[in-house]
């Protein structure tokens, strides 16, 4: 594009992605303009990876819709763990709130009861985050539970047949090689396409359509891994851009981990699918530029939604009366120095 804002003209059209895989990425100049860089010449930070440690302020903002009846809302609260330090700088709510504890996975949830007077008001959560790059790590909690099915991640039957066929003779080499075979199968066979009923994390849909976003990629992996006897688990949060230091964040992102040889191994298969040069990196690592909101699927809360267990919690779950509502949600960030400036 060239010209003045509001009256720009197109000077060149190029193919950016094919089947979800980009041919080039973008790098920002100091004057905030952007230029293309071919994937083969791009550094890890241009491909979404910050290694070591990242520090940023993260804003989670919700704009409430028109409320015509008594309403309830559930919003995930990020928590500190061994890989992220969360400092809550702001929790701005239009009414009194409760913090619920989801006991199975240990998630914290912000809960409010709302009335029509809150229509159009905002809820804002602001965190200062110090996040570490994640490598394989020791933690033996809930291992047996991570072999069980969930509502949208079945175990056994067709998934066991498929897992066995994928793994084949690699099964003799241990669970890490089994998991790598499943990981490679999904990279080679799925396409990152937001079409159909994507975004629910339905492993059956993912297995049939072989398309979807990060939830389909990782739900299929978890169903296959568990069916092969490998504990695996799900987490969701947001990926923080690595090629700029502030601005909006493009929605939620999810990932998975599997358990082998006494450690949990992080994987991010949808990102590896986009950037195949990083497939080795994403088998056993998560970069530092992300924030985790919640872990697990089929979350049970008290009080909880009329709709039953929450599939996973990244965006708010809201009910007006007994009807699901979908408030506008916006994420933004500002990267910080070690001094927090």
C-alpha atoms as a PDB file:
ATOM      1  CA  UNK A   1       0.000   0.000   0.000  1.00  0.00           C
ATOM      2  CA  UNK A   2       0.981   3.625  -0.478  1.00  0.00           C
ATOM      3  CA  UNK A   3      -0.632   6.985   0.068  1.00  0.00           C
ATOM      4  CA  UNK A   4      -2.216   8.852   2.932  1.00  0.00           C
ATOM      5  CA  UNK A   5      -4.329   7.127   5.600  1.00  0.00           C
ATOM      6  CA  UNK A   6      -7.886   6.807   4.338  1.00  0.00           C
ATOM      7  CA  UNK A   7      -6.916   7.035   0.674  1.00  0.00           C
ATOM      8  CA  UNK A   8      -4.250   4.379   0.201  1.00  0.00           C
ATOM      9  CA  UNK A   9      -3.898   2.352  -2.985  1.00  0.00           C
ATOM     10  CA  UNK A  10      -2.662  -1.203  -3.492  1.00  0.00           C
ATOM     11  CA  UNK A  11       0.739  -1.337  -5.169  1.00  0.00           C
ATOM     12  CA  UNK A  12       1.486  -5.051  -4.890  1.00  0.00           C
ATOM     13  CA  UNK A  13      -0.395  -8.260  -4.054  1.00  0.00           C
ATOM     14  CA  UNK A  14       1.519 -11.372  -2.968  1.00  0.00           C
ATOM     15  CA  UNK A  15       0.567 -14.791  -1.648  1.00  0.00           C
ATOM     16  CA  UNK A  16       1.230 -14.823   2.103  1.00  0.00           C
ATOM     17  CA  UNK A  17      -0.106 -18.229   3.147  1.00  0.00           C
ATOM     18  CA  UNK A  18      -1.008 -21.511   1.503  1.00  0.00           C
ATOM     19  CA  UNK A  19      -2.841 -24.114   3.613  1.00  0.00           C
ATOM     20  CA  UNK A  20      -2.039 -22.070   6.710  1.00  0.00           C
ATOM     21  CA  UNK A  21       1.728 -21.998   6.050  1.00  0.00           C
ATOM     22  CA  UNK A  22       3.283 -18.537   5.497  1.00  0.00           C
ATOM     23  CA  UNK A  23       5.897 -17.811   2.835  1.00  0.00           C
ATOM     24  CA  UNK A  24       7.187 -14.716   4.622  1.00  0.00           C
ATOM     25  CA  UNK A  25       6.876 -12.889   7.906  1.00  0.00           C
ATOM     26  CA  UNK A  26       6.976  -9.215   8.854  1.00  0.00           C
ATOM     27  CA  UNK A  27       9.547  -7.125  10.722  1.00  0.00           C
ATOM     28  CA  UNK A  28       8.805  -3.709  12.182  1.00  0.00           C
ATOM     29  CA  UNK A  29      11.128  -0.758  11.613  1.00  0.00           C
ATOM     30  CA  UNK A  30      11.839   1.838  14.271  1.00  0.00           C
ATOM     31  CA  UNK A  31       9.364   4.202  12.569  1.00  0.00           C
ATOM     32  CA  UNK A  32       6.615   1.547  13.110  1.00  0.00           C
ATOM     33  CA  UNK A  33       6.371   0.649   9.419  1.00  0.00           C
ATOM     34  CA  UNK A  34       6.751  -2.976   8.351  1.00  0.00           C
ATOM     35  CA  UNK A  35       8.626  -4.913   5.700  1.00  0.00           C
ATOM     36  CA  UNK A  36       8.554  -8.536   4.522  1.00  0.00           C
ATOM     37  CA  UNK A  37      11.216 -11.090   5.363  1.00  0.00           C
ATOM     38  CA  UNK A  38      11.211 -14.558   3.735  1.00  0.00           C
ATOM     39  CA  UNK A  39      10.678 -17.411   6.187  1.00  0.00           C
ATOM     40  CA  UNK A  40      14.046 -18.970   5.369  1.00  0.00           C
ATOM     41  CA  UNK A  41      15.802 -15.720   6.395  1.00  0.00           C
ATOM     42  CA  UNK A  42      13.736 -15.083   9.510  1.00  0.00           C
ATOM     43  CA  UNK A  43      15.135 -15.360  13.023  1.00  0.00           C
ATOM     44  CA  UNK A  44      13.232 -17.159  15.786  1.00  0.00           C
ATOM     45  CA  UNK A  45      11.814 -13.898  17.154  1.00  0.00           C
ATOM     46  CA  UNK A  46      10.155 -13.250  13.791  1.00  0.00           C
ATOM     47  CA  UNK A  47       8.679 -16.759  13.879  1.00  0.00           C
ATOM     48  CA  UNK A  48       7.015 -16.232  17.248  1.00  0.00           C
ATOM     49  CA  UNK A  49       9.717 -17.353  19.676  1.00  0.00           C
ATOM     50  CA  UNK A  50      11.402 -15.540  22.546  1.00  0.00           C
ATOM     51  CA  UNK A  51      13.851 -17.797  24.325  1.00  0.00           C
ATOM     52  CA  UNK A  52      14.922 -17.594  27.955  1.00  0.00           C
ATOM     53  CA  UNK A  53      12.675 -15.029  29.644  1.00  0.00           C
ATOM     54  CA  UNK A  54      10.052 -12.480  28.632  1.00  0.00           C
ATOM     55  CA  UNK A  55       8.506  -9.636  30.648  1.00  0.00           C
ATOM     56  CA  UNK A  56       5.349  -7.798  29.691  1.00  0.00           C
ATOM     57  CA  UNK A  57       2.210  -6.112  30.957  1.00  0.00           C
ATOM     58  CA  UNK A  58      -0.913  -7.923  29.772  1.00  0.00           C
ATOM     59  CA  UNK A  59      -4.418  -6.460  29.652  1.00  0.00           C
ATOM     60  CA  UNK A  60      -7.544  -8.642  29.464  1.00  0.00           C
ATOM     61  CA  UNK A  61     -10.550  -6.423  28.714  1.00  0.00           C
ATOM     62  CA  UNK A  62     -14.194  -7.469  28.454  1.00  0.00           C
ATOM     63  CA  UNK A  63     -17.035  -5.266  27.203  1.00  0.00           C
ATOM     64  CA  UNK A  64     -20.382  -6.473  28.491  1.00  0.00           C
ATOM     65  CA  UNK A  65     -23.225  -6.853  25.966  1.00  0.00           C
ATOM     66  CA  UNK A  66     -26.783  -5.651  26.478  1.00  0.00           C
ATOM     67  CA  UNK A  67     -28.082  -7.415  29.571  1.00  0.00           C
ATOM     68  CA  UNK A  68     -31.839  -8.024  29.554  1.00  0.00           C
ATOM     69  CA  UNK A  69     -32.131 -10.383  32.533  1.00  0.00           C
ATOM     70  CA  UNK A  70     -30.043 -11.406  35.558  1.00  0.00           C
ATOM     71  CA  UNK A  71     -26.654 -12.497  34.230  1.00  0.00           C
ATOM     72  CA  UNK A  72     -23.527 -14.307  35.370  1.00  0.00           C
ATOM     73  CA  UNK A  73     -19.984 -14.264  34.042  1.00  0.00           C
ATOM     74  CA  UNK A  74     -16.896 -16.433  34.597  1.00  0.00           C
ATOM     75  CA  UNK A  75     -13.456 -15.099  33.566  1.00  0.00           C
ATOM     76  CA  UNK A  76     -10.125 -16.947  33.892  1.00  0.00           C
ATOM     77  CA  UNK A  77      -7.514 -15.517  36.244  1.00  0.00           C
ATOM     78  CA  UNK A  78      -3.856 -16.112  35.424  1.00  0.00           C
ATOM     79  CA  UNK A  79      -1.828 -17.548  38.305  1.00  0.00           C
ATOM     80  CA  UNK A  80       1.841 -17.804  39.189  1.00  0.00           C
ATOM     81  CA  UNK A  81       3.626 -21.132  38.811  1.00  0.00           C
ATOM     82  CA  UNK A  82       7.194 -22.273  38.231  1.00  0.00           C
ATOM     83  CA  UNK A  83       7.178 -20.834  34.696  1.00  0.00           C
ATOM     84  CA  UNK A  84       5.289 -17.572  35.129  1.00  0.00           C
ATOM     85  CA  UNK A  85       5.161 -14.923  37.829  1.00  0.00           C
ATOM     86  CA  UNK A  86       1.860 -13.040  37.806  1.00  0.00           C
ATOM     87  CA  UNK A  87       1.508  -9.684  39.568  1.00  0.00           C
ATOM     88  CA  UNK A  88      -2.096  -8.430  39.415  1.00  0.00           C
ATOM     89  CA  UNK A  89      -1.885  -4.668  38.850  1.00  0.00           C
ATOM     90  CA  UNK A  90      -5.566  -3.985  38.232  1.00  0.00           C
ATOM     91  CA  UNK A  91      -8.870  -5.809  38.669  1.00  0.00           C
ATOM     92  CA  UNK A  92     -11.577  -3.379  37.590  1.00  0.00           C
ATOM     93  CA  UNK A  93     -15.100  -4.792  37.861  1.00  0.00           C
ATOM     94  CA  UNK A  94     -18.463  -2.986  37.671  1.00  0.00           C
ATOM     95  CA  UNK A  95     -19.895  -4.962  40.629  1.00  0.00           C
ATOM     96  CA  UNK A  96     -18.575  -6.934  43.570  1.00  0.00           C
ATOM     97  CA  UNK A  97     -16.864 -10.147  42.502  1.00  0.00           C
ATOM     98  CA  UNK A  98     -15.882 -13.528  43.854  1.00  0.00           C
ATOM     99  CA  UNK A  99     -12.812 -15.596  43.072  1.00  0.00           C
ATOM    100  CA  UNK A 100     -13.794 -19.228  42.580  1.00  0.00           C
ATOM    101  CA  UNK A 101     -11.379 -22.127  42.868  1.00  0.00           C
ATOM    102  CA  UNK A 102     -11.738 -24.927  40.331  1.00  0.00           C
ATOM    103  CA  UNK A 103     -10.455 -27.855  42.347  1.00  0.00           C
ATOM    104  CA  UNK A 104      -9.513 -30.530  39.795  1.00  0.00           C
ATOM    105  CA  UNK A 105      -6.826 -28.507  38.010  1.00  0.00           C
ATOM    106  CA  UNK A 106      -6.411 -25.645  40.485  1.00  0.00           C
ATOM    107  CA  UNK A 107      -7.681 -22.846  38.239  1.00  0.00           C
ATOM    108  CA  UNK A 108      -8.847 -19.491  39.614  1.00  0.00           C
ATOM    109  CA  UNK A 109     -11.954 -17.902  38.133  1.00  0.00           C
ATOM    110  CA  UNK A 110     -13.367 -14.377  38.488  1.00  0.00           C
ATOM    111  CA  UNK A 111     -17.141 -14.612  38.993  1.00  0.00           C
ATOM    112  CA  UNK A 112     -19.791 -11.868  38.949  1.00  0.00           C
ATOM    113  CA  UNK A 113     -23.554 -11.584  38.976  1.00  0.00           C
ATOM    114  CA  UNK A 114     -24.754  -8.776  36.740  1.00  0.00           C
ATOM    115  CA  UNK A 115     -27.922  -6.792  36.093  1.00  0.00           C
ATOM    116  CA  UNK A 116     -29.195  -4.715  33.143  1.00  0.00           C
ATOM    117  CA  UNK A 117     -27.538  -1.638  34.660  1.00  0.00           C
ATOM    118  CA  UNK A 118     -24.155  -3.128  33.781  1.00  0.00           C
ATOM    119  CA  UNK A 119     -24.921  -3.257  30.042  1.00  0.00           C
ATOM    120  CA  UNK A 120     -21.982  -1.923  28.042  1.00  0.00           C
ATOM    121  CA  UNK A 121     -19.636  -1.632  31.013  1.00  0.00           C
ATOM    122  CA  UNK A 122     -16.084  -2.958  30.984  1.00  0.00           C
ATOM    123  CA  UNK A 123     -14.160  -5.472  33.064  1.00  0.00           C
ATOM    124  CA  UNK A 124     -10.379  -5.110  33.025  1.00  0.00           C
ATOM    125  CA  UNK A 125      -7.628  -7.352  34.358  1.00  0.00           C
ATOM    126  CA  UNK A 126      -4.049  -6.110  34.124  1.00  0.00           C
ATOM    127  CA  UNK A 127      -1.046  -8.290  34.935  1.00  0.00           C
ATOM    128  CA  UNK A 128       2.687  -7.799  35.023  1.00  0.00           C
ATOM    129  CA  UNK A 129       4.107 -11.087  33.787  1.00  0.00           C
ATOM    130  CA  UNK A 130       7.570 -12.614  33.982  1.00  0.00           C
ATOM    131  CA  UNK A 131       7.508 -15.777  31.926  1.00  0.00           C
ATOM    132  CA  UNK A 132      10.209 -18.416  31.468  1.00  0.00           C
ATOM    133  CA  UNK A 133      10.782 -20.590  28.427  1.00  0.00           C
ATOM    134  CA  UNK A 134       9.504 -24.072  29.241  1.00  0.00           C
ATOM    135  CA  UNK A 135      11.565 -27.229  28.755  1.00  0.00           C
ATOM    136  CA  UNK A 136      10.745 -30.792  29.900  1.00  0.00           C
ATOM    137  CA  UNK A 137      10.210 -30.740  33.663  1.00  0.00           C
ATOM    138  CA  UNK A 138       9.436 -33.079  36.547  1.00  0.00           C
ATOM    139  CA  UNK A 139       5.931 -33.089  38.059  1.00  0.00           C
ATOM    140  CA  UNK A 140       4.045 -36.307  38.799  1.00  0.00           C
ATOM    141  CA  UNK A 141       0.681 -34.788  39.788  1.00  0.00           C
ATOM    142  CA  UNK A 142      -2.535 -36.289  38.370  1.00  0.00           C
ATOM    143  CA  UNK A 143      -0.703 -38.524  35.916  1.00  0.00           C
ATOM    144  CA  UNK A 144      -3.333 -41.283  35.962  1.00  0.00           C
ATOM    145  CA  UNK A 145      -6.132 -38.759  35.379  1.00  0.00           C
ATOM    146  CA  UNK A 146      -4.421 -37.541  32.217  1.00  0.00           C
ATOM    147  CA  UNK A 147      -5.104 -40.917  30.608  1.00  0.00           C
ATOM    148  CA  UNK A 148      -8.884 -40.510  30.911  1.00  0.00           C
ATOM    149  CA  UNK A 149     -11.264 -39.205  28.224  1.00  0.00           C
ATOM    150  CA  UNK A 150     -13.019 -35.857  28.362  1.00  0.00           C
ATOM    151  CA  UNK A 151     -16.271 -34.874  26.674  1.00  0.00           C
ATOM    152  CA  UNK A 152     -14.610 -33.788  23.418  1.00  0.00           C
ATOM    153  CA  UNK A 153     -11.386 -35.790  23.701  1.00  0.00           C
ATOM    154  CA  UNK A 154     -12.368 -39.481  23.561  1.00  0.00           C
ATOM    155  CA  UNK A 155      -9.907 -42.258  24.313  1.00  0.00           C
ATOM    156  CA  UNK A 156      -9.739 -45.702  22.718  1.00  0.00           C
ATOM    157  CA  UNK A 157     -11.726 -47.140  19.803  1.00  0.00           C
ATOM    158  CA  UNK A 158     -10.860 -45.313  16.569  1.00  0.00           C
ATOM    159  CA  UNK A 159      -8.196 -43.235  18.328  1.00  0.00           C
ATOM    160  CA  UNK A 160      -6.368 -46.300  19.589  1.00  0.00           C
ATOM    161  CA  UNK A 161      -6.525 -47.908  16.143  1.00  0.00           C
ATOM    162  CA  UNK A 162      -5.163 -44.733  14.553  1.00  0.00           C
ATOM    163  CA  UNK A 163      -2.503 -44.213  17.236  1.00  0.00           C
ATOM    164  CA  UNK A 164      -1.279 -47.795  16.884  1.00  0.00           C
ATOM    165  CA  UNK A 165      -1.067 -47.454  13.110  1.00  0.00           C
ATOM    166  CA  UNK A 166       0.875 -44.179  13.379  1.00  0.00           C
ATOM    167  CA  UNK A 167       3.307 -45.429  16.002  1.00  0.00           C
ATOM    168  CA  UNK A 168       3.987 -48.805  14.408  1.00  0.00           C
ATOM    169  CA  UNK A 169       7.455 -50.141  15.193  1.00  0.00           C
ATOM    170  CA  UNK A 170       8.439 -46.875  16.898  1.00  0.00           C
ATOM    171  CA  UNK A 171       6.537 -48.166  19.904  1.00  0.00           C
ATOM    172  CA  UNK A 172       9.585 -50.258  20.744  1.00  0.00           C
ATOM    173  CA  UNK A 173      11.637 -47.079  21.294  1.00  0.00           C
ATOM    174  CA  UNK A 174       9.693 -45.684  24.261  1.00  0.00           C
ATOM    175  CA  UNK A 175       7.009 -43.092  24.894  1.00  0.00           C
ATOM    176  CA  UNK A 176       8.997 -40.098  23.647  1.00  0.00           C
ATOM    177  CA  UNK A 177       9.310 -41.657  20.203  1.00  0.00           C
ATOM    178  CA  UNK A 178       5.644 -42.680  20.283  1.00  0.00           C
ATOM    179  CA  UNK A 179       4.660 -39.095  21.040  1.00  0.00           C
ATOM    180  CA  UNK A 180       6.976 -37.793  18.325  1.00  0.00           C
ATOM    181  CA  UNK A 181       5.300 -40.074  15.785  1.00  0.00           C
ATOM    182  CA  UNK A 182       1.879 -38.693  16.767  1.00  0.00           C
ATOM    183  CA  UNK A 183       3.227 -35.126  16.686  1.00  0.00           C
ATOM    184  CA  UNK A 184       4.689 -35.594  13.197  1.00  0.00           C
ATOM    185  CA  UNK A 185       1.495 -37.226  11.933  1.00  0.00           C
ATOM    186  CA  UNK A 186      -0.583 -34.212  12.957  1.00  0.00           C
ATOM    187  CA  UNK A 187       1.899 -31.740  11.443  1.00  0.00           C
ATOM    188  CA  UNK A 188       1.949 -33.695   8.177  1.00  0.00           C
ATOM    189  CA  UNK A 189      -1.794 -34.298   7.899  1.00  0.00           C
ATOM    190  CA  UNK A 190      -3.679 -31.420   9.525  1.00  0.00           C
ATOM    191  CA  UNK A 191      -4.135 -27.947   8.052  1.00  0.00           C
ATOM    192  CA  UNK A 192      -4.523 -24.794  10.129  1.00  0.00           C
ATOM    193  CA  UNK A 193      -7.835 -23.607   8.674  1.00  0.00           C
ATOM    194  CA  UNK A 194     -10.530 -21.784  10.617  1.00  0.00           C
ATOM    195  CA  UNK A 195     -13.560 -23.298   8.920  1.00  0.00           C
ATOM    196  CA  UNK A 196     -16.481 -25.491   9.918  1.00  0.00           C
ATOM    197  CA  UNK A 197     -16.950 -26.065  13.631  1.00  0.00           C
ATOM    198  CA  UNK A 198     -13.385 -25.189  14.555  1.00  0.00           C
ATOM    199  CA  UNK A 199     -12.363 -23.819  17.935  1.00  0.00           C
ATOM    200  CA  UNK A 200     -14.193 -26.277  20.190  1.00  0.00           C
ATOM    201  CA  UNK A 201     -11.357 -28.746  20.639  1.00  0.00           C
ATOM    202  CA  UNK A 202     -13.412 -31.671  19.348  1.00  0.00           C
ATOM    203  CA  UNK A 203     -10.974 -34.497  18.629  1.00  0.00           C
ATOM    204  CA  UNK A 204     -13.539 -36.393  16.538  1.00  0.00           C
ATOM    205  CA  UNK A 205     -14.050 -33.361  14.296  1.00  0.00           C
ATOM    206  CA  UNK A 206     -10.286 -32.869  14.049  1.00  0.00           C
ATOM    207  CA  UNK A 207      -9.765 -36.520  13.134  1.00  0.00           C
ATOM    208  CA  UNK A 208     -12.423 -36.345  10.409  1.00  0.00           C
ATOM    209  CA  UNK A 209     -11.817 -32.865   8.968  1.00  0.00           C
ATOM    210  CA  UNK A 210      -8.053 -32.689   9.585  1.00  0.00           C
ATOM    211  CA  UNK A 211      -8.476 -28.923   9.902  1.00  0.00           C
ATOM    212  CA  UNK A 212      -8.948 -26.467  12.723  1.00  0.00           C
ATOM    213  CA  UNK A 213      -7.117 -24.081  14.999  1.00  0.00           C
ATOM    214  CA  UNK A 214      -4.845 -24.809  17.962  1.00  0.00           C
ATOM    215  CA  UNK A 215      -7.648 -26.493  19.933  1.00  0.00           C
ATOM    216  CA  UNK A 216      -8.250 -29.113  17.253  1.00  0.00           C
ATOM    217  CA  UNK A 217      -4.533 -29.792  16.779  1.00  0.00           C
ATOM    218  CA  UNK A 218      -3.912 -30.371  20.474  1.00  0.00           C
ATOM    219  CA  UNK A 219      -7.178 -32.167  21.228  1.00  0.00           C
ATOM    220  CA  UNK A 220      -6.411 -34.727  18.531  1.00  0.00           C
ATOM    221  CA  UNK A 221      -2.889 -35.147  19.894  1.00  0.00           C
ATOM    222  CA  UNK A 222      -4.188 -35.646  23.442  1.00  0.00           C
ATOM    223  CA  UNK A 223      -6.791 -38.223  22.373  1.00  0.00           C
ATOM    224  CA  UNK A 224      -4.177 -40.137  20.382  1.00  0.00           C
ATOM    225  CA  UNK A 225      -1.545 -39.934  23.122  1.00  0.00           C
ATOM    226  CA  UNK A 226      -3.905 -41.085  25.867  1.00  0.00           C
ATOM    227  CA  UNK A 227      -5.133 -43.888  23.622  1.00  0.00           C
ATOM    228  CA  UNK A 228      -1.503 -44.985  23.276  1.00  0.00           C
ATOM    229  CA  UNK A 229      -1.084 -44.999  27.060  1.00  0.00           C
ATOM    230  CA  UNK A 230       0.782 -41.672  27.223  1.00  0.00           C
ATOM    231  CA  UNK A 231      -0.582 -39.138  29.763  1.00  0.00           C
ATOM    232  CA  UNK A 232      -1.280 -35.796  28.079  1.00  0.00           C
ATOM    233  CA  UNK A 233      -2.872 -32.526  29.150  1.00  0.00           C
ATOM    234  CA  UNK A 234      -4.239 -29.248  27.802  1.00  0.00           C
ATOM    235  CA  UNK A 235      -3.633 -25.605  28.726  1.00  0.00           C
ATOM    236  CA  UNK A 236      -4.796 -22.303  27.262  1.00  0.00           C
ATOM    237  CA  UNK A 237      -3.697 -18.703  27.421  1.00  0.00           C
ATOM    238  CA  UNK A 238      -2.330 -16.223  24.902  1.00  0.00           C
ATOM    239  CA  UNK A 239       0.762 -15.985  22.752  1.00  0.00           C
ATOM    240  CA  UNK A 240       2.566 -12.639  22.956  1.00  0.00           C
ATOM    241  CA  UNK A 241       3.948 -11.253  19.673  1.00  0.00           C
ATOM    242  CA  UNK A 242       7.717 -11.520  19.435  1.00  0.00           C
ATOM    243  CA  UNK A 243       8.227  -9.142  16.510  1.00  0.00           C
ATOM    244  CA  UNK A 244       6.900  -6.009  18.273  1.00  0.00           C
ATOM    245  CA  UNK A 245       6.775  -4.707  21.823  1.00  0.00           C
ATOM    246  CA  UNK A 246       3.193  -3.521  22.271  1.00  0.00           C
ATOM    247  CA  UNK A 247      -0.301  -3.582  20.829  1.00  0.00           C
ATOM    248  CA  UNK A 248      -3.116  -6.059  20.434  1.00  0.00           C
ATOM    249  CA  UNK A 249      -2.884  -9.821  20.844  1.00  0.00           C
ATOM    250  CA  UNK A 250      -4.628 -12.028  18.310  1.00  0.00           C
ATOM    251  CA  UNK A 251      -6.929 -13.986  20.613  1.00  0.00           C
ATOM    252  CA  UNK A 252      -6.237 -17.019  22.734  1.00  0.00           C
ATOM    253  CA  UNK A 253      -3.744 -19.800  22.086  1.00  0.00           C
ATOM    254  CA  UNK A 254      -3.569 -23.313  23.521  1.00  0.00           C
ATOM    255  CA  UNK A 255      -0.938 -26.015  23.795  1.00  0.00           C
ATOM    256  CA  UNK A 256      -0.331 -29.460  25.242  1.00  0.00           C
ATOM    257  CA  UNK A 257       2.118 -31.527  27.270  1.00  0.00           C
ATOM    258  CA  UNK A 258       2.744 -35.262  27.446  1.00  0.00           C
ATOM    259  CA  UNK A 259       4.407 -37.344  30.171  1.00  0.00           C
ATOM    260  CA  UNK A 260       7.361 -39.603  29.398  1.00  0.00           C
ATOM    261  CA  UNK A 261      10.504 -40.760  31.183  1.00  0.00           C
ATOM    262  CA  UNK A 262       9.558 -38.976  34.402  1.00  0.00           C
ATOM    263  CA  UNK A 263       8.964 -35.547  32.856  1.00  0.00           C
ATOM    264  CA  UNK A 264       6.259 -33.458  31.206  1.00  0.00           C
ATOM    265  CA  UNK A 265       7.218 -32.526  27.645  1.00  0.00           C
ATOM    266  CA  UNK A 266       5.694 -29.315  26.202  1.00  0.00           C
ATOM    267  CA  UNK A 267       4.469 -29.368  22.596  1.00  0.00           C
ATOM    268  CA  UNK A 268       2.897 -26.753  20.347  1.00  0.00           C
ATOM    269  CA  UNK A 269       1.770 -28.563  17.233  1.00  0.00           C
ATOM    270  CA  UNK A 270      -0.237 -25.818  15.535  1.00  0.00           C
ATOM    271  CA  UNK A 271       2.757 -23.456  15.654  1.00  0.00           C
ATOM    272  CA  UNK A 272       5.041 -26.222  14.402  1.00  0.00           C
ATOM    273  CA  UNK A 273       2.571 -26.783  11.569  1.00  0.00           C
ATOM    274  CA  UNK A 274       2.777 -23.114  10.556  1.00  0.00           C
ATOM    275  CA  UNK A 275       6.579 -22.980  10.714  1.00  0.00           C
ATOM    276  CA  UNK A 276       7.939 -26.422   9.927  1.00  0.00           C
ATOM    277  CA  UNK A 277      11.497 -25.204  10.528  1.00  0.00           C
ATOM    278  CA  UNK A 278      10.508 -24.973  14.191  1.00  0.00           C
ATOM    279  CA  UNK A 279       9.010 -28.466  14.477  1.00  0.00           C
ATOM    280  CA  UNK A 280      12.029 -29.675  16.429  1.00  0.00           C
ATOM    281  CA  UNK A 281      11.897 -26.675  18.776  1.00  0.00           C
ATOM    282  CA  UNK A 282       8.204 -27.105  19.592  1.00  0.00           C
ATOM    283  CA  UNK A 283       8.634 -30.768  20.497  1.00  0.00           C
ATOM    284  CA  UNK A 284       9.751 -30.289  24.079  1.00  0.00           C
ATOM    285  CA  UNK A 285       9.631 -26.493  24.428  1.00  0.00           C
ATOM    286  CA  UNK A 286       7.262 -23.587  24.816  1.00  0.00           C
ATOM    287  CA  UNK A 287       8.709 -20.101  24.287  1.00  0.00           C
ATOM    288  CA  UNK A 288       8.754 -17.435  26.983  1.00  0.00           C
ATOM    289  CA  UNK A 289       6.394 -15.072  25.175  1.00  0.00           C
ATOM    290  CA  UNK A 290       3.074 -16.426  26.365  1.00  0.00           C
ATOM    291  CA  UNK A 291       0.768 -16.293  29.364  1.00  0.00           C
ATOM    292  CA  UNK A 292      -1.227 -19.231  30.698  1.00  0.00           C
ATOM    293  CA  UNK A 293      -4.805 -18.671  31.914  1.00  0.00           C
ATOM    294  CA  UNK A 294      -6.130 -22.130  32.775  1.00  0.00           C
ATOM    295  CA  UNK A 295      -5.412 -25.836  32.510  1.00  0.00           C
ATOM    296  CA  UNK A 296      -7.688 -28.753  31.729  1.00  0.00           C
ATOM    297  CA  UNK A 297     -11.036 -29.436  30.103  1.00  0.00           C
ATOM    298  CA  UNK A 298     -14.601 -29.933  31.374  1.00  0.00           C
ATOM    299  CA  UNK A 299     -14.116 -27.487  34.238  1.00  0.00           C
ATOM    300  CA  UNK A 300     -16.660 -27.767  37.066  1.00  0.00           C
ATOM    301  CA  UNK A 301     -17.363 -24.637  39.121  1.00  0.00           C
ATOM    302  CA  UNK A 302     -19.634 -23.765  42.020  1.00  0.00           C
ATOM    303  CA  UNK A 303     -21.581 -21.745  41.131  1.00  0.00           C
ATOM    304  CA  UNK A 304     -21.258 -22.888  37.550  1.00  0.00           C
ATOM    305  CA  UNK A 305     -23.020 -22.228  34.243  1.00  0.00           C
ATOM    306  CA  UNK A 306     -26.408 -23.757  33.468  1.00  0.00           C
ATOM    307  CA  UNK A 307     -24.751 -25.166  30.360  1.00  0.00           C
ATOM    308  CA  UNK A 308     -22.710 -27.589  32.463  1.00  0.00           C
ATOM    309  CA  UNK A 309     -18.939 -28.092  32.658  1.00  0.00           C
ATOM    310  CA  UNK A 310     -16.870 -25.488  30.830  1.00  0.00           C
ATOM    311  CA  UNK A 311     -15.105 -27.040  27.828  1.00  0.00           C
ATOM    312  CA  UNK A 312     -12.039 -24.836  28.383  1.00  0.00           C
ATOM    313  CA  UNK A 313     -11.735 -21.288  29.669  1.00  0.00           C
ATOM    314  CA  UNK A 314      -9.906 -18.655  27.655  1.00  0.00           C
ATOM    315  CA  UNK A 315     -12.624 -16.133  26.812  1.00  0.00           C
ATOM    316  CA  UNK A 316     -15.345 -15.360  29.366  1.00  0.00           C
ATOM    317  CA  UNK A 317     -18.307 -17.675  29.785  1.00  0.00           C
ATOM    318  CA  UNK A 318     -21.453 -15.596  30.240  1.00  0.00           C
ATOM    319  CA  UNK A 319     -25.133 -16.401  30.657  1.00  0.00           C
ATOM    320  CA  UNK A 320     -27.998 -13.919  30.457  1.00  0.00           C
ATOM    321  CA  UNK A 321     -30.875 -15.743  32.062  1.00  0.00           C
ATOM    322  CA  UNK A 322     -30.251 -19.286  30.860  1.00  0.00           C
ATOM    323  CA  UNK A 323     -28.900 -18.213  27.460  1.00  0.00           C
ATOM    324  CA  UNK A 324     -25.219 -18.118  26.561  1.00  0.00           C
ATOM    325  CA  UNK A 325     -23.842 -14.681  25.704  1.00  0.00           C
ATOM    326  CA  UNK A 326     -20.539 -13.739  24.104  1.00  0.00           C
ATOM    327  CA  UNK A 327     -19.036 -10.477  25.364  1.00  0.00           C
ATOM    328  CA  UNK A 328     -16.430  -8.701  23.285  1.00  0.00           C
ATOM    329  CA  UNK A 329     -12.977  -9.561  24.618  1.00  0.00           C
ATOM    330  CA  UNK A 330      -9.713  -7.838  23.764  1.00  0.00           C
ATOM    331  CA  UNK A 331      -6.129  -8.676  24.765  1.00  0.00           C
ATOM    332  CA  UNK A 332      -3.210  -6.239  24.597  1.00  0.00           C
ATOM    333  CA  UNK A 333       0.347  -6.096  25.912  1.00  0.00           C
ATOM    334  CA  UNK A 334       3.397  -3.918  26.445  1.00  0.00           C
ATOM    335  CA  UNK A 335       6.812  -5.516  26.741  1.00  0.00           C
ATOM    336  CA  UNK A 336       8.900  -4.409  29.723  1.00  0.00           C
ATOM    337  CA  UNK A 337      12.565  -4.215  30.616  1.00  0.00           C
ATOM    338  CA  UNK A 338      13.994  -5.972  33.662  1.00  0.00           C
ATOM    339  CA  UNK A 339      13.344  -2.786  35.626  1.00  0.00           C
ATOM    340  CA  UNK A 340       9.689  -2.875  34.525  1.00  0.00           C
ATOM    341  CA  UNK A 341       9.922   0.378  32.599  1.00  0.00           C
END
